[in-house]
C-alpha atoms as a PDB file:
ATOM      1  CA  MET A   1       7.900   3.654 -41.424  1.00  0.00           C
ATOM      2  CA  ASP A   2       5.032   5.781 -40.152  1.00  0.00           C
ATOM      3  CA  VAL A   3       2.037   3.525 -39.491  1.00  0.00           C
ATOM      4  CA  GLU A   4      -0.914   4.649 -37.402  1.00  0.00           C
ATOM      5  CA  LEU A   5      -2.995   2.336 -35.238  1.00  0.00           C
ATOM      6  CA  ARG A   6      -6.114   3.662 -36.935  1.00  0.00           C
ATOM      7  CA  GLN A   7      -4.754   2.463 -40.271  1.00  0.00           C
ATOM      8  CA  LEU A   8      -4.147  -1.006 -38.890  1.00  0.00           C
ATOM      9  CA  ARG A   9      -7.729  -1.203 -37.641  1.00  0.00           C
ATOM     10  CA  VAL A  10      -9.000  -0.155 -41.091  1.00  0.00           C
ATOM     11  CA  PHE A  11      -6.730  -2.749 -42.719  1.00  0.00           C
ATOM     12  CA  LEU A  12      -8.050  -5.525 -40.435  1.00  0.00           C
ATOM     13  CA  THR A  13     -11.636  -4.667 -41.315  1.00  0.00           C
ATOM     14  CA  VAL A  14     -10.923  -4.787 -45.045  1.00  0.00           C
ATOM     15  CA  ALA A  15      -8.902  -8.000 -44.622  1.00  0.00           C
ATOM     16  CA  SER A  16     -11.798  -9.569 -42.760  1.00  0.00           C
ATOM     17  CA  GLU A  17     -14.423  -8.570 -45.306  1.00  0.00           C
ATOM     18  CA  LEU A  18     -12.259  -8.654 -48.467  1.00  0.00           C
ATOM     19  CA  HIS A  19     -14.725  -6.117 -49.794  1.00  0.00           C
ATOM     20  CA  PHE A  20     -14.094  -2.371 -49.686  1.00  0.00           C
ATOM     21  CA  SER A  21     -17.740  -1.285 -49.767  1.00  0.00           C
ATOM     22  CA  ARG A  22     -18.773  -3.575 -46.905  1.00  0.00           C
ATOM     23  CA  ALA A  23     -15.712  -2.573 -44.883  1.00  0.00           C
ATOM     24  CA  ALA A  24     -16.502   1.118 -45.394  1.00  0.00           C
ATOM     25  CA  ALA A  25     -20.067   0.557 -44.227  1.00  0.00           C
ATOM     26  CA  LEU A  26     -18.859  -1.258 -41.089  1.00  0.00           C
ATOM     27  CA  LEU A  27     -16.458   1.569 -40.318  1.00  0.00           C
ATOM     28  CA  HIS A  28     -19.048   4.267 -41.068  1.00  0.00           C
ATOM     29  CA  ILE A  29     -16.797   6.052 -43.555  1.00  0.00           C
ATOM     30  CA  SER A  30     -17.006   6.548 -47.304  1.00  0.00           C
ATOM     31  CA  GLN A  31     -15.395   4.041 -49.612  1.00  0.00           C
ATOM     32  CA  PRO A  32     -13.041   6.678 -51.144  1.00  0.00           C
ATOM     33  CA  ALA A  33     -11.848   7.646 -47.619  1.00  0.00           C
ATOM     34  CA  LEU A  34     -11.239   3.992 -46.766  1.00  0.00           C
ATOM     35  CA  SER A  35      -9.357   3.416 -50.009  1.00  0.00           C
ATOM     36  CA  GLN A  36      -7.211   6.476 -49.311  1.00  0.00           C
ATOM     37  CA  GLN A  37      -6.263   5.145 -45.851  1.00  0.00           C
ATOM     38  CA  ILE A  38      -5.290   1.772 -47.314  1.00  0.00           C
ATOM     39  CA  ARG A  39      -3.157   3.480 -49.986  1.00  0.00           C
ATOM     40  CA  THR A  40      -1.473   5.585 -47.289  1.00  0.00           C
ATOM     41  CA  LEU A  41      -0.711   2.446 -45.288  1.00  0.00           C
ATOM     42  CA  GLU A  42       0.681   0.692 -48.361  1.00  0.00           C
ATOM     43  CA  ARG A  43       2.932   3.675 -49.126  1.00  0.00           C
ATOM     44  CA  ALA A  44       4.187   3.677 -45.529  1.00  0.00           C
ATOM     45  CA  LEU A  45       4.977  -0.049 -45.734  1.00  0.00           C
ATOM     46  CA  GLY A  46       6.328   0.172 -49.275  1.00  0.00           C
ATOM     47  CA  THR A  47       4.240  -2.668 -50.637  1.00  0.00           C
ATOM     48  CA  PRO A  48       0.684  -3.468 -51.812  1.00  0.00           C
ATOM     49  CA  LEU A  49      -1.476  -5.253 -49.265  1.00  0.00           C
ATOM     50  CA  PHE A  50      -4.424  -6.176 -51.513  1.00  0.00           C
ATOM     51  CA  ASP A  51      -4.880  -7.446 -55.055  1.00  0.00           C
ATOM     52  CA  ARG A  52      -7.953  -5.626 -56.291  1.00  0.00           C
ATOM     53  CA  THR A  53      -9.785  -6.726 -59.410  1.00  0.00           C
ATOM     54  CA  SER A  54     -13.288  -6.113 -60.670  1.00  0.00           C
ATOM     55  CA  ARG A  55     -14.364  -9.469 -59.329  1.00  0.00           C
ATOM     56  CA  ALA A  56     -12.532  -9.897 -55.989  1.00  0.00           C
ATOM     57  CA  THR A  57     -10.204  -8.452 -53.394  1.00  0.00           C
ATOM     58  CA  GLU A  58      -7.435 -10.717 -52.114  1.00  0.00           C
ATOM     59  CA  LEU A  59      -4.563 -10.271 -49.679  1.00  0.00           C
ATOM     60  CA  THR A  60      -1.077 -10.156 -51.108  1.00  0.00           C
ATOM     61  CA  PRO A  61       1.679 -12.177 -49.374  1.00  0.00           C
ATOM     62  CA  ALA A  62       2.678  -8.972 -47.546  1.00  0.00           C
ATOM     63  CA  GLY A  63      -0.954  -8.440 -46.590  1.00  0.00           C
ATOM     64  CA  ARG A  64      -1.164 -11.925 -45.093  1.00  0.00           C
ATOM     65  CA  VAL A  65       1.939 -11.208 -42.991  1.00  0.00           C
ATOM     66  CA  LEU A  66       0.375  -7.969 -41.758  1.00  0.00           C
ATOM     67  CA  LEU A  67      -2.887  -9.776 -41.022  1.00  0.00           C
ATOM     68  CA  ASP A  68      -0.947 -12.045 -38.687  1.00  0.00           C
ATOM     69  CA  ALA A  69       1.045  -9.238 -37.022  1.00  0.00           C
ATOM     70  CA  ALA A  70      -1.487  -6.395 -36.772  1.00  0.00           C
ATOM     71  CA  PRO A  71      -3.683  -7.907 -34.015  1.00  0.00           C
ATOM     72  CA  ARG A  72      -0.616  -8.371 -31.792  1.00  0.00           C
ATOM     73  CA  VAL A  73       0.500  -4.799 -32.440  1.00  0.00           C
ATOM     74  CA  LEU A  74      -2.929  -3.437 -31.564  1.00  0.00           C
ATOM     75  CA  PHE A  75      -3.158  -5.639 -28.448  1.00  0.00           C
ATOM     76  CA  GLU A  76       0.208  -4.427 -27.143  1.00  0.00           C
ATOM     77  CA  ALA A  77      -0.657  -0.822 -27.918  1.00  0.00           C
ATOM     78  CA  GLU A  78      -3.972  -1.074 -26.099  1.00  0.00           C
ATOM     79  CA  ARG A  79      -2.326  -2.832 -23.161  1.00  0.00           C
ATOM     80  CA  ALA A  80       0.317  -0.112 -22.966  1.00  0.00           C
ATOM     81  CA  GLN A  81      -2.377   2.547 -23.007  1.00  0.00           C
ATOM     82  CA  ALA A  82      -4.258   0.758 -20.223  1.00  0.00           C
ATOM     83  CA  ARG A  83      -1.103   0.463 -18.136  1.00  0.00           C
ATOM     84  CA  VAL A  84      -0.287   4.134 -18.600  1.00  0.00           C
ATOM     85  CA  SER A  85      -3.819   5.061 -17.531  1.00  0.00           C
ATOM     86  CA  GLN A  86      -3.612   2.746 -14.518  1.00  0.00           C
ATOM     87  CA  ALA A  87      -0.292   4.241 -13.470  1.00  0.00           C
ATOM     88  CA  ALA A  88      -1.694   7.758 -13.806  1.00  0.00           C
ATOM     89  CA  GLU A  89      -4.639   6.732 -11.630  1.00  0.00           C
ATOM     90  CA  GLY A  90      -2.438   4.981  -9.060  1.00  0.00           C
ATOM     91  CA  ALA A  91      -3.868   1.582  -9.945  1.00  0.00           C
ATOM     92  CA  SER A  92      -0.521   0.055 -10.905  1.00  0.00           C
ATOM     93  CA  GLY A  93       3.151   0.496 -10.170  1.00  0.00           C
ATOM     94  CA  LEU A  94       4.913   0.077  -6.821  1.00  0.00           C
ATOM     95  CA  LEU A  95       3.815   1.453  -3.449  1.00  0.00           C
ATOM     96  CA  VAL A  96       6.442   1.161  -0.691  1.00  0.00           C
ATOM     97  CA  VAL A  97       4.887   1.210   2.778  1.00  0.00           C
ATOM     98  CA  GLY A  98       6.352   1.039   6.272  1.00  0.00           C
ATOM     99  CA  SER A  99       4.529  -0.023   9.415  1.00  0.00           C
ATOM    100  CA  VAL A 100       5.166  -0.224  13.124  1.00  0.00           C
ATOM    101  CA  GLY A 101       4.547  -3.601  14.689  1.00  0.00           C
ATOM    102  CA  THR A 102       1.569  -2.133  16.537  1.00  0.00           C
ATOM    103  CA  ALA A 103      -0.222  -1.573  13.251  1.00  0.00           C
ATOM    104  CA  LEU A 104       0.804  -4.941  11.830  1.00  0.00           C
ATOM    105  CA  ALA A 105      -0.864  -6.522  14.857  1.00  0.00           C
ATOM    106  CA  SER A 106      -4.074  -4.565  14.331  1.00  0.00           C
ATOM    107  CA  ILE A 107      -5.221  -2.388  11.444  1.00  0.00           C
ATOM    108  CA  ALA A 108      -2.471  -2.798   8.832  1.00  0.00           C
ATOM    109  CA  PRO A 109      -3.673  -6.146   7.411  1.00  0.00           C
ATOM    110  CA  ARG A 110      -7.135  -4.699   6.746  1.00  0.00           C
ATOM    111  CA  ILE A 111      -5.699  -1.616   5.073  1.00  0.00           C
ATOM    112  CA  LEU A 112      -3.398  -3.634   2.833  1.00  0.00           C
ATOM    113  CA  ARG A 113      -6.183  -6.072   1.974  1.00  0.00           C
ATOM    114  CA  THR A 114      -8.433  -3.166   0.979  1.00  0.00           C
ATOM    115  CA  VAL A 115      -5.792  -1.633  -1.276  1.00  0.00           C
ATOM    116  CA  ARG A 116      -5.023  -5.006  -2.829  1.00  0.00           C
ATOM    117  CA  ALA A 117      -8.688  -5.765  -3.509  1.00  0.00           C
ATOM    118  CA  ARG A 118      -9.298  -2.422  -5.214  1.00  0.00           C
ATOM    119  CA  PHE A 119      -6.049  -2.214  -7.144  1.00  0.00           C
ATOM    120  CA  PRO A 120      -4.784  -5.745  -7.851  1.00  0.00           C
ATOM    121  CA  ASP A 121      -2.166  -4.443 -10.293  1.00  0.00           C
ATOM    122  CA  LEU A 122      -0.629  -2.128  -7.694  1.00  0.00           C
ATOM    123  CA  GLN A 123       2.423  -3.862  -6.239  1.00  0.00           C
ATOM    124  CA  LEU A 124       2.779  -3.413  -2.468  1.00  0.00           C
ATOM    125  CA  GLU A 125       6.116  -3.587  -0.692  1.00  0.00           C
ATOM    126  CA  VAL A 126       5.631  -3.597   3.082  1.00  0.00           C
ATOM    127  CA  SER A 127       8.288  -3.663   5.782  1.00  0.00           C
ATOM    128  CA  GLN A 128       8.334  -3.163   9.537  1.00  0.00           C
ATOM    129  CA  HIS A 129      10.096  -0.077  10.881  1.00  0.00           C
ATOM    130  CA  ASP A 130       9.811   1.951  14.042  1.00  0.00           C
ATOM    131  CA  THR A 131       8.206   5.368  13.904  1.00  0.00           C
ATOM    132  CA  GLY A 132      11.432   7.390  13.913  1.00  0.00           C
ATOM    133  CA  ALA A 133      12.911   5.418  11.024  1.00  0.00           C
ATOM    134  CA  GLN A 134       9.717   5.765   8.999  1.00  0.00           C
ATOM    135  CA  MET A 135       9.560   9.523   9.419  1.00  0.00           C
ATOM    136  CA  ILE A 136      13.133   9.811   8.142  1.00  0.00           C
ATOM    137  CA  ALA A 137      12.511   7.373   5.269  1.00  0.00           C
ATOM    138  CA  LEU A 138       9.383   9.271   4.225  1.00  0.00           C
ATOM    139  CA  ALA A 139      11.254  12.578   4.205  1.00  0.00           C
ATOM    140  CA  GLU A 140      14.032  10.991   2.132  1.00  0.00           C
ATOM    141  CA  GLU A 141      11.473   9.442  -0.263  1.00  0.00           C
ATOM    142  CA  ARG A 142      12.506   5.870   0.552  1.00  0.00           C
ATOM    143  CA  LEU A 143       8.942   5.177   1.704  1.00  0.00           C
ATOM    144  CA  ASP A 144       5.727   6.316   0.029  1.00  0.00           C
ATOM    145  CA  GLY A 145       3.510   5.939   3.087  1.00  0.00           C
ATOM    146  CA  GLY A 146       3.657   4.674   6.617  1.00  0.00           C
ATOM    147  CA  LEU A 147       1.696   3.512   9.623  1.00  0.00           C
ATOM    148  CA  VAL A 148       3.302   5.126  12.640  1.00  0.00           C
ATOM    149  CA  ARG A 149       2.661   5.499  16.351  1.00  0.00           C
ATOM    150  CA  GLU A 150       2.381   8.817  18.195  1.00  0.00           C
ATOM    151  CA  ALA A 151       4.439  10.624  15.561  1.00  0.00           C
ATOM    152  CA  VAL A 152       4.855  14.377  15.526  1.00  0.00           C
ATOM    153  CA  PRO A 153       4.252  15.945  12.091  1.00  0.00           C
ATOM    154  CA  THR A 154       7.140  17.738  10.421  1.00  0.00           C
ATOM    155  CA  SER A 155       7.497  20.305   7.671  1.00  0.00           C
ATOM    156  CA  THR A 156       7.918  17.422   5.220  1.00  0.00           C
ATOM    157  CA  VAL A 157       5.698  14.642   6.579  1.00  0.00           C
ATOM    158  CA  THR A 158       2.094  14.895   7.690  1.00  0.00           C
ATOM    159  CA  VAL A 159       0.391  12.437  10.023  1.00  0.00           C
ATOM    160  CA  GLU A 160      -3.286  11.702  10.597  1.00  0.00           C
ATOM    161  CA  GLU A 161      -4.703   9.727  13.507  1.00  0.00           C
ATOM    162  CA  LEU A 162      -6.472   6.504  12.617  1.00  0.00           C
ATOM    163  CA  ILE A 163      -7.282   4.744  15.882  1.00  0.00           C
ATOM    164  CA  SER A 164      -6.349   5.162  19.505  1.00  0.00           C
ATOM    165  CA  GLU A 165      -6.413   2.544  22.252  1.00  0.00           C
ATOM    166  CA  PRO A 166      -5.373   2.500  25.920  1.00  0.00           C
ATOM    167  CA  LEU A 167      -2.200   1.167  27.473  1.00  0.00           C
ATOM    168  CA  LEU A 168      -2.230  -2.214  29.148  1.00  0.00           C
ATOM    169  CA  ALA A 169      -0.004  -3.696  31.814  1.00  0.00           C
ATOM    170  CA  VAL A 170       2.100  -6.510  30.349  1.00  0.00           C
ATOM    171  CA  LEU A 171       3.162  -9.118  32.902  1.00  0.00           C
ATOM    172  CA  PRO A 172       4.875 -12.496  33.064  1.00  0.00           C
ATOM    173  CA  GLY A 173       2.167 -15.140  33.129  1.00  0.00           C
ATOM    174  CA  ASP A 174       3.147 -16.240  36.646  1.00  0.00           C
ATOM    175  CA  HIS A 175       3.378 -12.717  38.089  1.00  0.00           C
ATOM    176  CA  PRO A 176       1.119 -12.170  41.155  1.00  0.00           C
ATOM    177  CA  LEU A 177      -0.545  -9.175  39.460  1.00  0.00           C
ATOM    178  CA  ALA A 178      -1.542 -11.408  36.537  1.00  0.00           C
ATOM    179  CA  ALA A 179      -4.164 -12.954  38.827  1.00  0.00           C
ATOM    180  CA  HIS A 180      -5.942  -9.566  39.065  1.00  0.00           C
ATOM    181  CA  ASP A 181      -8.614  -8.364  36.658  1.00  0.00           C
ATOM    182  CA  THR A 182      -7.054  -4.902  36.579  1.00  0.00           C
ATOM    183  CA  VAL A 183      -3.733  -3.472  37.653  1.00  0.00           C
ATOM    184  CA  ASP A 184      -3.137  -0.199  39.451  1.00  0.00           C
ATOM    185  CA  ALA A 185      -0.169   1.690  38.042  1.00  0.00           C
ATOM    186  CA  GLY A 186       1.170   2.282  41.550  1.00  0.00           C
ATOM    187  CA  ASP A 187       1.571  -1.478  42.011  1.00  0.00           C
ATOM    188  CA  LEU A 188       4.216  -1.421  39.266  1.00  0.00           C
ATOM    189  CA  ALA A 189       6.433   1.079  41.095  1.00  0.00           C
ATOM    190  CA  GLY A 190       8.938  -1.465  42.355  1.00  0.00           C
ATOM    191  CA  GLU A 191       8.994  -3.606  39.230  1.00  0.00           C
ATOM    192  CA  PRO A 192      11.790  -3.817  36.650  1.00  0.00           C
ATOM    193  CA  PHE A 193      10.605  -2.611  33.234  1.00  0.00           C
ATOM    194  CA  VAL A 194      11.125  -3.755  29.667  1.00  0.00           C
ATOM    195  CA  LEU A 195      10.531  -0.876  27.241  1.00  0.00           C
ATOM    196  CA  TRP A 196      11.234   0.468  23.777  1.00  0.00           C
ATOM    197  CA  PRO A 197      14.452   2.463  23.286  1.00  0.00           C
ATOM    198  CA  ARG A 198      13.503   6.123  23.246  1.00  0.00           C
ATOM    199  CA  PRO A 199      15.143   6.883  19.849  1.00  0.00           C
ATOM    200  CA  LEU A 200      12.684   4.499  18.162  1.00  0.00           C
ATOM    201  CA  GLY A 201       9.746   6.688  19.153  1.00  0.00           C
ATOM    202  CA  SER A 202      10.327   9.501  21.597  1.00  0.00           C
ATOM    203  CA  ALA A 203       6.678  10.578  21.832  1.00  0.00           C
ATOM    204  CA  PHE A 204       5.539   7.055  22.692  1.00  0.00           C
ATOM    205  CA  PHE A 205       8.359   6.556  25.187  1.00  0.00           C
ATOM    206  CA  ASP A 206       7.438   9.835  26.882  1.00  0.00           C
ATOM    207  CA  ILE A 207       3.803   8.726  27.205  1.00  0.00           C
ATOM    208  CA  LEU A 208       4.876   5.574  29.039  1.00  0.00           C
ATOM    209  CA  THR A 209       7.360   7.202  31.369  1.00  0.00           C
ATOM    210  CA  GLY A 210       5.087  10.200  31.935  1.00  0.00           C
ATOM    211  CA  TYR A 211       2.267   7.886  33.008  1.00  0.00           C
ATOM    212  CA  CYS A 212       4.568   6.244  35.556  1.00  0.00           C
ATOM    213  CA  ARG A 213       5.691   9.609  36.950  1.00  0.00           C
ATOM    214  CA  GLU A 214       2.063  10.654  37.326  1.00  0.00           C
ATOM    215  CA  HIS A 215       1.749   7.690  39.691  1.00  0.00           C
ATOM    216  CA  GLY A 216       4.751   8.628  41.756  1.00  0.00           C
ATOM    217  CA  PHE A 217       7.657   6.706  40.243  1.00  0.00           C
ATOM    218  CA  SER A 218      10.073   6.534  37.334  1.00  0.00           C
ATOM    219  CA  PRO A 219      10.249   3.135  35.667  1.00  0.00           C
ATOM    220  CA  ARG A 220      13.417   1.169  36.402  1.00  0.00           C
ATOM    221  CA  ILE A 221      14.317   0.041  32.905  1.00  0.00           C
ATOM    222  CA  VAL A 222      16.352  -3.170  32.964  1.00  0.00           C
ATOM    223  CA  ALA A 223      16.001  -4.192  29.326  1.00  0.00           C
ATOM    224  CA  GLU A 224      15.021  -2.730  25.977  1.00  0.00           C
ATOM    225  CA  GLY A 225      13.870  -4.362  22.767  1.00  0.00           C
ATOM    226  CA  ALA A 226      13.944  -2.963  19.262  1.00  0.00           C
ATOM    227  CA  ASP A 227      10.722  -4.807  18.392  1.00  0.00           C
ATOM    228  CA  ILE A 228       7.648  -5.993  20.230  1.00  0.00           C
ATOM    229  CA  GLU A 229       8.479  -9.674  19.834  1.00  0.00           C
ATOM    230  CA  THR A 230      11.763  -9.179  21.684  1.00  0.00           C
ATOM    231  CA  GLN A 231      10.118  -7.201  24.453  1.00  0.00           C
ATOM    232  CA  LEU A 232       7.349  -9.728  24.975  1.00  0.00           C
ATOM    233  CA  SER A 233       9.901 -12.527  25.062  1.00  0.00           C
ATOM    234  CA  LEU A 234      11.822 -10.667  27.774  1.00  0.00           C
ATOM    235  CA  VAL A 235       8.609 -10.241  29.767  1.00  0.00           C
ATOM    236  CA  ALA A 236       7.758 -13.928  29.331  1.00  0.00           C
ATOM    237  CA  ALA A 237      11.259 -14.779  30.619  1.00  0.00           C
ATOM    238  CA  GLY A 238      10.493 -12.853  33.798  1.00  0.00           C
ATOM    239  CA  LEU A 239      12.997 -10.029  33.278  1.00  0.00           C
ATOM    240  CA  GLY A 240      10.376  -7.392  33.925  1.00  0.00           C
ATOM    241  CA  VAL A 241       6.959  -5.928  33.243  1.00  0.00           C
ATOM    242  CA  SER A 242       5.969  -3.512  30.505  1.00  0.00           C
ATOM    243  CA  LEU A 243       3.341  -1.054  29.337  1.00  0.00           C
ATOM    244  CA  GLN A 244       2.107  -1.516  25.795  1.00  0.00           C
ATOM    245  CA  PRO A 245      -0.815  -0.461  23.580  1.00  0.00           C
ATOM    246  CA  SER A 246      -3.722  -2.868  23.705  1.00  0.00           C
ATOM    247  CA  TYR A 247      -3.228  -3.735  19.995  1.00  0.00           C
ATOM    248  CA  TYR A 248      -0.415  -6.082  21.003  1.00  0.00           C
ATOM    249  CA  ALA A 249      -2.767  -8.263  23.006  1.00  0.00           C
ATOM    250  CA  ASN A 250      -3.788  -9.643  19.590  1.00  0.00           C
ATOM    251  CA  LEU A 251      -0.411 -11.386  19.402  1.00  0.00           C
ATOM    252  CA  ARG A 252      -1.274 -13.657  22.369  1.00  0.00           C
ATOM    253  CA  PRO A 253       2.327 -14.650  23.140  1.00  0.00           C
ATOM    254  CA  PRO A 254       2.738 -17.609  25.514  1.00  0.00           C
ATOM    255  CA  GLY A 255       3.833 -16.775  29.042  1.00  0.00           C
ATOM    256  CA  VAL A 256       2.600 -13.181  28.863  1.00  0.00           C
ATOM    257  CA  ALA A 257      -0.514 -11.684  30.472  1.00  0.00           C
ATOM    258  CA  PHE A 258      -2.141  -8.415  29.376  1.00  0.00           C
ATOM    259  CA  ARG A 259      -4.213  -6.673  32.037  1.00  0.00           C
ATOM    260  CA  PRO A 260      -6.213  -3.417  31.910  1.00  0.00           C
ATOM    261  CA  LEU A 261      -4.922  -0.540  33.989  1.00  0.00           C
ATOM    262  CA  SER A 262      -7.288   1.068  36.468  1.00  0.00           C
ATOM    263  CA  GLY A 263      -8.182   4.740  36.532  1.00  0.00           C
ATOM    264  CA  ASP A 264      -7.392   7.316  33.869  1.00  0.00           C
ATOM    265  CA  VAL A 265      -5.214   5.565  31.310  1.00  0.00           C
ATOM    266  CA  PRO A 266      -3.442   7.301  28.409  1.00  0.00           C
ATOM    267  CA  THR A 267      -4.188   6.174  24.894  1.00  0.00           C
ATOM    268  CA  VAL A 268      -1.742   5.548  22.087  1.00  0.00           C
ATOM    269  CA  ALA A 269      -2.604   6.672  18.573  1.00  0.00           C
ATOM    270  CA  LEU A 270      -1.842   4.837  15.373  1.00  0.00           C
ATOM    271  CA  GLN A 271      -1.440   7.209  12.456  1.00  0.00           C
ATOM    272  CA  VAL A 272      -1.041   7.169   8.722  1.00  0.00           C
ATOM    273  CA  ALA A 273       1.865   9.252   7.442  1.00  0.00           C
ATOM    274  CA  TRP A 274       2.850  10.560   4.013  1.00  0.00           C
ATOM    275  CA  ARG A 275       4.804  13.409   2.445  1.00  0.00           C
ATOM    276  CA  ARG A 276       2.921  16.683   2.387  1.00  0.00           C
ATOM    277  CA  ARG A 277       3.811  17.440  -1.234  1.00  0.00           C
ATOM    278  CA  ASP A 278       3.243  13.917  -2.550  1.00  0.00           C
ATOM    279  CA  ARG A 279       0.430  13.969  -5.100  1.00  0.00           C
ATOM    280  CA  SER A 280       0.789  10.332  -6.119  1.00  0.00           C
ATOM    281  CA  PRO A 281      -2.639   8.744  -6.709  1.00  0.00           C
ATOM    282  CA  ALA A 282      -1.325   5.467  -5.259  1.00  0.00           C
ATOM    283  CA  VAL A 283      -0.439   7.186  -1.987  1.00  0.00           C
ATOM    284  CA  GLY A 284      -3.889   8.759  -1.996  1.00  0.00           C
ATOM    285  CA  HIS A 285      -5.468   5.308  -2.350  1.00  0.00           C
ATOM    286  CA  PHE A 286      -3.407   4.041   0.595  1.00  0.00           C
ATOM    287  CA  VAL A 287      -4.396   6.962   2.815  1.00  0.00           C
ATOM    288  CA  GLU A 288      -8.057   6.641   1.852  1.00  0.00           C
ATOM    289  CA  ALA A 289      -8.049   2.907   2.614  1.00  0.00           C
ATOM    290  CA  ALA A 290      -6.465   3.647   6.004  1.00  0.00           C
ATOM    291  CA  ARG A 291      -9.170   6.194   6.801  1.00  0.00           C
ATOM    292  CA  GLU A 292     -11.976   3.817   5.774  1.00  0.00           C
ATOM    293  CA  CYS A 293     -10.606   0.904   7.806  1.00  0.00           C
ATOM    294  CA  ALA A 294     -10.194   3.131  10.849  1.00  0.00           C
ATOM    295  CA  ALA A 295     -13.747   4.454  10.513  1.00  0.00           C
ATOM    296  CA  ALA A 296     -15.105   0.917  10.189  1.00  0.00           C
ATOM    297  CA  GLY A 297     -13.537   0.021  13.546  1.00  0.00           C
END
């Protein structure tokens, strides 16, 4: 059976009017052309669809069945076409995104909300991963895009800075330095430190330790945490102090005090990352939303 959608639309017009001349006028075609399309449809289906007499045009039993089915066929065809167009434009499908906790505590919710508002049919799958894991997952095409921290671009993955904020001293709430408005880095020289494991983000780790060395000491690391919640809990328990980007102050964990550092303080950049050769429109929408949210502050 070889039935065209155009033929079904012509059939529905004739079935609605039950008059070939009026149907032809509505379709802006000649009556002979309309009659030819109906005959072609009937040959394709192997049965007459109309009883035509000099006085009236009526649907045959087969025609009444087609009248019931044709609108559903056309609806599904049009919906399929719309979905294909949406997928081609990146407005539907699945976008798999990774994010460091730093971004989840700051800019990520705004980015995801923007994407969701513009493309409600685009399914978002978001998970938290450290920077190193995201860069590997992007290269291996297990992630489509990522929000990373102080990542170094590679031959496969490009990164673009979104926002950058200074480090803060992170202290137990009852620490003597928590009573100060600002903290001098040198005052942390004798303190035990809670930090990120270096493999989770070597560039970020080097910023922290490099800052300490600039102030005459190497941090004495007594504990590490694979995520910010663990690290802040260790600080709250009094195991040590930490240095963290100011984004994490948004978490407001109990028993932890964030204090500005005095003097020249390094900043930590949040970046959007994606594969250099990825031309997916959905990834483009994600990157554009990240840029807009960063520019809006």
